[in-house]
């Protein structure tokens, strides 16, 4: 069995691993001829990440047999902090299949290895929700809004009508709101089937948006009244989606 991938920019892989680390410490990547896939939930089952990276998104991709790669995500994040700008990255399994070998090549080559994990768990089904509001915004706008909301509250409220998309927060010390109507530069598209409103915890959303916005310039926000939130960070290489359960007072 041969598994080997190469990326011209190691930072691309670092951003994706950071996106996964926003929710979980350990996870399984499913690799086959089509590419890499991962679906994982945080331990409290409040949030989920759904990631796909197509084989065509790599500079080189070889996987002649489906394989599950159980990884310590925190350890991978620690190793990837050693990457520098301009380095390429190669990932592959050693002959025993028990270790993932990571080679970084820039002005010179460096090789790290880490043990793979035998992880088992329940299969996570596809989330099926009938969303009634859909807003496509710049990732920078969402990231700044989430940070601003955190100055006054532990939660953020999303509201949408046919005319505007609102993100707001309030607490004992004050309140905050961003109104994006269709003339707003940061609002790229808005589709609303019915007026919708839902609240979400910033404890999860802050980490998710920070990690996701590092990989994408645009994000599609979907929600419905007191239903889960879907964030779709647009990737050329595949998809990076998150689902977060609503905060119910």
Protein backbone atom coordinates (compact mmCIF):
# COMPACT_ATOMS: atom_id res chain seq x y z
CA UNK A 1 0.00 0.00 0.00
CA UNK A 2 1.40 3.38 -1.02
CA UNK A 3 0.27 6.71 0.37
CA UNK A 4 2.22 9.84 -0.48
CA UNK A 5 1.21 13.45 -1.08
CA UNK A 6 3.11 16.63 -1.83
CA UNK A 7 2.21 20.31 -1.49
CA UNK A 8 4.24 23.19 -2.87
CA UNK A 9 3.36 25.24 0.22
CA UNK A 10 3.54 23.56 3.61
CA UNK A 11 1.48 26.44 5.03
CA UNK A 12 -1.59 25.14 3.14
CA UNK A 13 -1.51 21.92 5.16
CA UNK A 14 -0.84 23.82 8.38
CA UNK A 15 -3.97 25.93 7.84
CA UNK A 16 -6.12 22.84 7.25
CA UNK A 17 -4.80 21.06 10.33
CA UNK A 18 -5.43 24.21 12.36
CA UNK A 19 -9.00 24.21 11.02
CA UNK A 20 -9.50 20.67 12.35
CA UNK A 21 -7.77 21.44 15.65
CA UNK A 22 -10.43 24.07 16.36
CA UNK A 23 -12.70 21.18 17.40
CA UNK A 24 -10.76 17.97 18.06
CA UNK A 25 -7.43 16.71 19.42
CA UNK A 26 -7.52 13.42 17.50
CA UNK A 27 -9.15 12.56 14.19
CA UNK A 28 -9.16 10.12 11.29
CA UNK A 29 -8.39 11.16 7.72
CA UNK A 30 -9.90 8.80 5.15
CA UNK A 31 -7.64 8.62 2.10
CA UNK A 32 -8.51 7.03 -1.26
CA UNK A 33 -7.88 7.68 -4.94
CA UNK A 34 -10.19 10.72 -4.86
CA UNK A 35 -8.40 12.52 -2.02
CA UNK A 36 -8.59 13.07 1.73
CA UNK A 37 -11.77 13.33 3.79
CA UNK A 38 -12.43 13.95 7.46
CA UNK A 39 -15.60 14.32 9.49
CA UNK A 40 -15.32 14.83 13.23
CA UNK A 41 -17.29 16.20 16.18
CA UNK A 42 -16.05 17.94 19.28
CA UNK A 43 -16.30 15.85 22.49
CA UNK A 44 -19.48 17.64 23.62
CA UNK A 45 -21.16 17.04 20.22
CA UNK A 46 -21.95 20.72 19.83
CA UNK A 47 -19.93 21.28 16.65
CA UNK A 48 -18.76 19.26 13.65
CA UNK A 49 -16.16 19.75 10.93
CA UNK A 50 -16.55 18.23 7.46
CA UNK A 51 -13.40 18.46 5.33
CA UNK A 52 -12.54 17.25 1.84
CA UNK A 53 -9.29 17.84 -0.04
CA UNK A 54 -9.39 16.55 -3.60
CA UNK A 55 -6.43 14.64 -5.04
CA UNK A 56 -6.16 17.32 -7.72
CA UNK A 57 -5.56 19.88 -4.95
CA UNK A 58 -2.14 18.40 -4.24
CA UNK A 59 0.95 18.92 -6.36
CA UNK A 60 1.41 15.14 -6.22
CA UNK A 61 -1.00 12.55 -4.84
CA UNK A 62 -0.59 8.78 -4.65
CA UNK A 63 -2.96 6.45 -2.81
CA UNK A 64 -3.36 3.05 -4.43
CA UNK A 65 -5.55 1.64 -1.64
CA UNK A 66 -8.03 3.23 0.77
CA UNK A 67 -6.48 3.88 4.16
CA UNK A 68 -7.58 5.49 7.42
CA UNK A 69 -5.00 7.76 9.02
CA UNK A 70 -5.60 8.26 12.72
CA UNK A 71 -3.66 11.34 13.81
CA UNK A 72 -2.96 13.23 16.98
CA UNK A 73 -4.02 16.64 15.67
CA UNK A 74 -2.42 18.56 18.53
CA UNK A 75 0.92 16.88 17.86
CA UNK A 76 0.60 17.62 14.15
CA UNK A 77 -0.08 21.29 14.93
CA UNK A 78 3.03 21.36 17.10
CA UNK A 79 5.19 19.91 14.33
CA UNK A 80 3.74 22.24 11.70
CA UNK A 81 4.70 25.26 13.76
CA UNK A 82 8.23 24.43 12.58
CA UNK A 83 7.35 25.24 8.96
CA UNK A 84 8.66 28.43 7.36
CA UNK A 85 7.49 30.37 4.32
CA UNK A 86 8.42 28.83 0.99
CA UNK A 87 8.84 25.28 2.22
CA UNK A 88 7.19 22.39 0.40
CA UNK A 89 5.71 19.45 2.28
CA UNK A 90 5.58 15.73 1.63
CA UNK A 91 3.51 13.30 3.68
CA UNK A 92 3.67 9.53 3.51
CA UNK A 93 3.44 6.36 5.53
CA UNK A 94 6.55 4.41 6.44
CA UNK A 95 6.89 0.75 5.38
CA UNK A 96 5.14 -0.51 8.50
CA UNK A 97 2.25 1.91 8.08
CA UNK A 98 2.60 2.77 11.77
CA UNK A 99 4.17 6.19 11.30
CA UNK A 100 3.37 9.24 9.21
CA UNK A 101 6.53 10.79 7.80
CA UNK A 102 6.56 14.53 7.10
CA UNK A 103 9.32 16.05 4.99
CA UNK A 104 9.78 19.81 4.76
CA UNK A 105 11.99 21.13 1.98
CA UNK A 106 13.23 24.68 1.63
CA UNK A 107 16.84 25.79 1.79
CA UNK A 108 17.45 22.31 3.21
CA UNK A 109 15.32 19.24 3.96
CA UNK A 110 13.94 18.27 7.36
CA UNK A 111 12.08 15.08 8.20
CA UNK A 112 9.70 14.47 11.09
CA UNK A 113 7.68 11.38 11.92
CA UNK A 114 4.75 10.74 14.20
CA UNK A 115 2.92 7.60 15.20
CA UNK A 116 -0.47 6.96 13.63
CA UNK A 117 -3.33 6.13 15.98
CA UNK A 118 -5.79 3.26 15.92
CA UNK A 119 -8.92 5.33 16.39
CA UNK A 120 -12.43 3.94 16.38
CA UNK A 121 -15.73 5.67 16.89
CA UNK A 122 -19.24 6.01 15.65
CA UNK A 123 -19.73 6.95 12.03
CA UNK A 124 -20.88 10.56 11.81
CA UNK A 125 -23.80 10.99 9.41
CA UNK A 126 -24.27 13.88 7.03
CA UNK A 127 -26.09 16.79 8.67
CA UNK A 128 -29.52 17.33 7.12
CA UNK A 129 -31.13 20.67 7.94
CA UNK A 130 -33.63 22.76 6.00
CA UNK A 131 -32.00 26.18 6.15
CA UNK A 132 -34.14 29.27 5.55
CA UNK A 133 -31.40 31.92 5.36
CA UNK A 134 -28.17 31.97 3.39
CA UNK A 135 -25.61 34.79 3.39
CA UNK A 136 -22.29 34.78 1.56
CA UNK A 137 -19.86 37.19 3.22
CA UNK A 138 -16.15 37.93 3.29
CA UNK A 139 -14.32 35.78 5.81
CA UNK A 140 -12.60 38.89 7.13
CA UNK A 141 -15.96 40.50 7.94
CA UNK A 142 -17.16 37.41 9.82
CA UNK A 143 -13.87 37.07 11.72
CA UNK A 144 -13.88 40.71 12.82
CA UNK A 145 -17.56 40.55 13.75
CA UNK A 146 -17.07 37.47 15.91
CA UNK A 147 -14.13 39.14 17.67
CA UNK A 148 -16.15 42.31 18.25
CA UNK A 149 -19.12 40.33 19.59
CA UNK A 150 -16.81 38.67 22.10
CA UNK A 151 -16.12 42.03 23.75
CA UNK A 152 -19.70 42.27 25.04
CA UNK A 153 -21.12 38.73 25.15
CA UNK A 154 -20.44 35.00 25.12
CA UNK A 155 -23.00 34.46 22.34
CA UNK A 156 -23.83 35.95 18.95
CA UNK A 157 -27.22 36.25 17.26
CA UNK A 158 -27.71 35.91 13.51
CA UNK A 159 -30.81 37.41 11.90
CA UNK A 160 -31.84 37.60 8.26
CA UNK A 161 -34.67 39.18 6.34
CA UNK A 162 -35.11 39.65 2.64
CA UNK A 163 -33.28 42.97 2.89
CA UNK A 164 -30.39 42.47 5.31
CA UNK A 165 -28.21 40.12 7.35
CA UNK A 166 -27.57 41.12 10.96
CA UNK A 167 -25.03 39.81 13.45
CA UNK A 168 -25.50 41.09 16.99
CA UNK A 169 -24.49 40.48 20.59
CA UNK A 170 -25.47 41.96 23.95
CA UNK A 171 -24.44 41.57 27.56
CA UNK A 172 -24.46 43.30 30.92
CA UNK A 173 -21.77 45.75 29.80
CA UNK A 174 -23.19 46.72 26.41
CA UNK A 175 -24.23 45.63 22.95
CA UNK A 176 -22.87 45.32 19.42
CA UNK A 177 -24.38 44.87 15.96
CA UNK A 178 -23.41 44.68 12.30
CA UNK A 179 -26.13 45.24 9.71
CA UNK A 180 -25.28 44.14 6.17
CA UNK A 181 -27.82 45.23 3.59
CA UNK A 182 -27.50 44.37 -0.07
CA UNK A 183 -25.37 47.45 -0.73
CA UNK A 184 -22.72 46.36 1.81
CA UNK A 185 -19.41 45.45 0.20
CA UNK A 186 -18.88 42.58 2.64
CA UNK A 187 -22.23 40.94 1.77
CA UNK A 188 -21.68 39.05 -1.47
CA UNK A 189 -25.09 37.33 -1.69
CA UNK A 190 -28.25 36.95 0.39
CA UNK A 191 -31.07 34.42 0.00
CA UNK A 192 -33.86 34.34 2.58
CA UNK A 193 -36.88 32.05 2.37
CA UNK A 194 -38.34 33.44 5.59
CA UNK A 195 -37.21 35.77 8.36
CA UNK A 196 -34.76 33.75 10.45
CA UNK A 197 -33.07 34.16 13.81
CA UNK A 198 -30.74 31.97 15.91
CA UNK A 199 -28.07 32.35 18.60
CA UNK A 200 -24.74 30.52 18.84
CA UNK A 201 -21.99 30.21 21.44
CA UNK A 202 -18.84 32.18 20.74
CA UNK A 203 -16.73 29.62 22.59
CA UNK A 204 -16.91 27.39 19.51
CA UNK A 205 -17.54 29.99 16.84
CA UNK A 206 -14.49 32.10 17.69
CA UNK A 207 -12.06 29.21 17.20
CA UNK A 208 -13.80 27.96 14.07
CA UNK A 209 -13.95 31.32 12.32
CA UNK A 210 -10.35 32.16 13.17
CA UNK A 211 -9.15 28.86 11.72
CA UNK A 212 -11.48 28.81 8.72
CA UNK A 213 -10.80 32.39 7.65
CA UNK A 214 -7.08 31.62 7.43
CA UNK A 215 -7.83 29.22 4.55
CA UNK A 216 -10.55 31.11 2.70
CA UNK A 217 -11.53 34.65 1.72
CA UNK A 218 -15.27 33.95 1.58
CA UNK A 219 -17.71 32.01 3.73
CA UNK A 220 -21.35 31.07 3.28
CA UNK A 221 -23.46 31.27 6.44
CA UNK A 222 -26.68 29.21 6.58
CA UNK A 223 -29.18 28.97 9.42
CA UNK A 224 -32.86 28.81 10.36
CA UNK A 225 -34.91 29.67 13.44
CA UNK A 226 -33.16 28.06 16.42
CA UNK A 227 -31.50 25.48 14.16
CA UNK A 228 -27.83 24.54 13.64
CA UNK A 229 -25.50 26.95 11.90
CA UNK A 230 -23.57 25.92 8.79
CA UNK A 231 -20.36 27.69 7.79
CA UNK A 232 -18.93 26.82 4.38
CA UNK A 233 -15.43 28.25 3.89
CA UNK A 234 -14.78 28.14 0.15
CA UNK A 235 -11.72 26.12 -0.84
CA UNK A 236 -10.40 25.61 -4.36
CA UNK A 237 -9.02 22.22 -3.25
CA UNK A 238 -12.30 20.88 -1.84
CA UNK A 239 -14.53 21.90 1.06
CA UNK A 240 -14.30 23.03 4.65
CA UNK A 241 -17.66 23.07 6.44
CA UNK A 242 -18.64 23.43 10.07
CA UNK A 243 -21.95 22.84 11.82
CA UNK A 244 -22.72 24.32 15.24
CA UNK A 245 -25.73 23.58 17.43
CA UNK A 246 -27.81 26.61 18.45
CA UNK A 247 -27.53 28.17 21.88
CA UNK A 248 -30.87 27.84 23.68
CA UNK A 249 -31.34 29.94 26.79
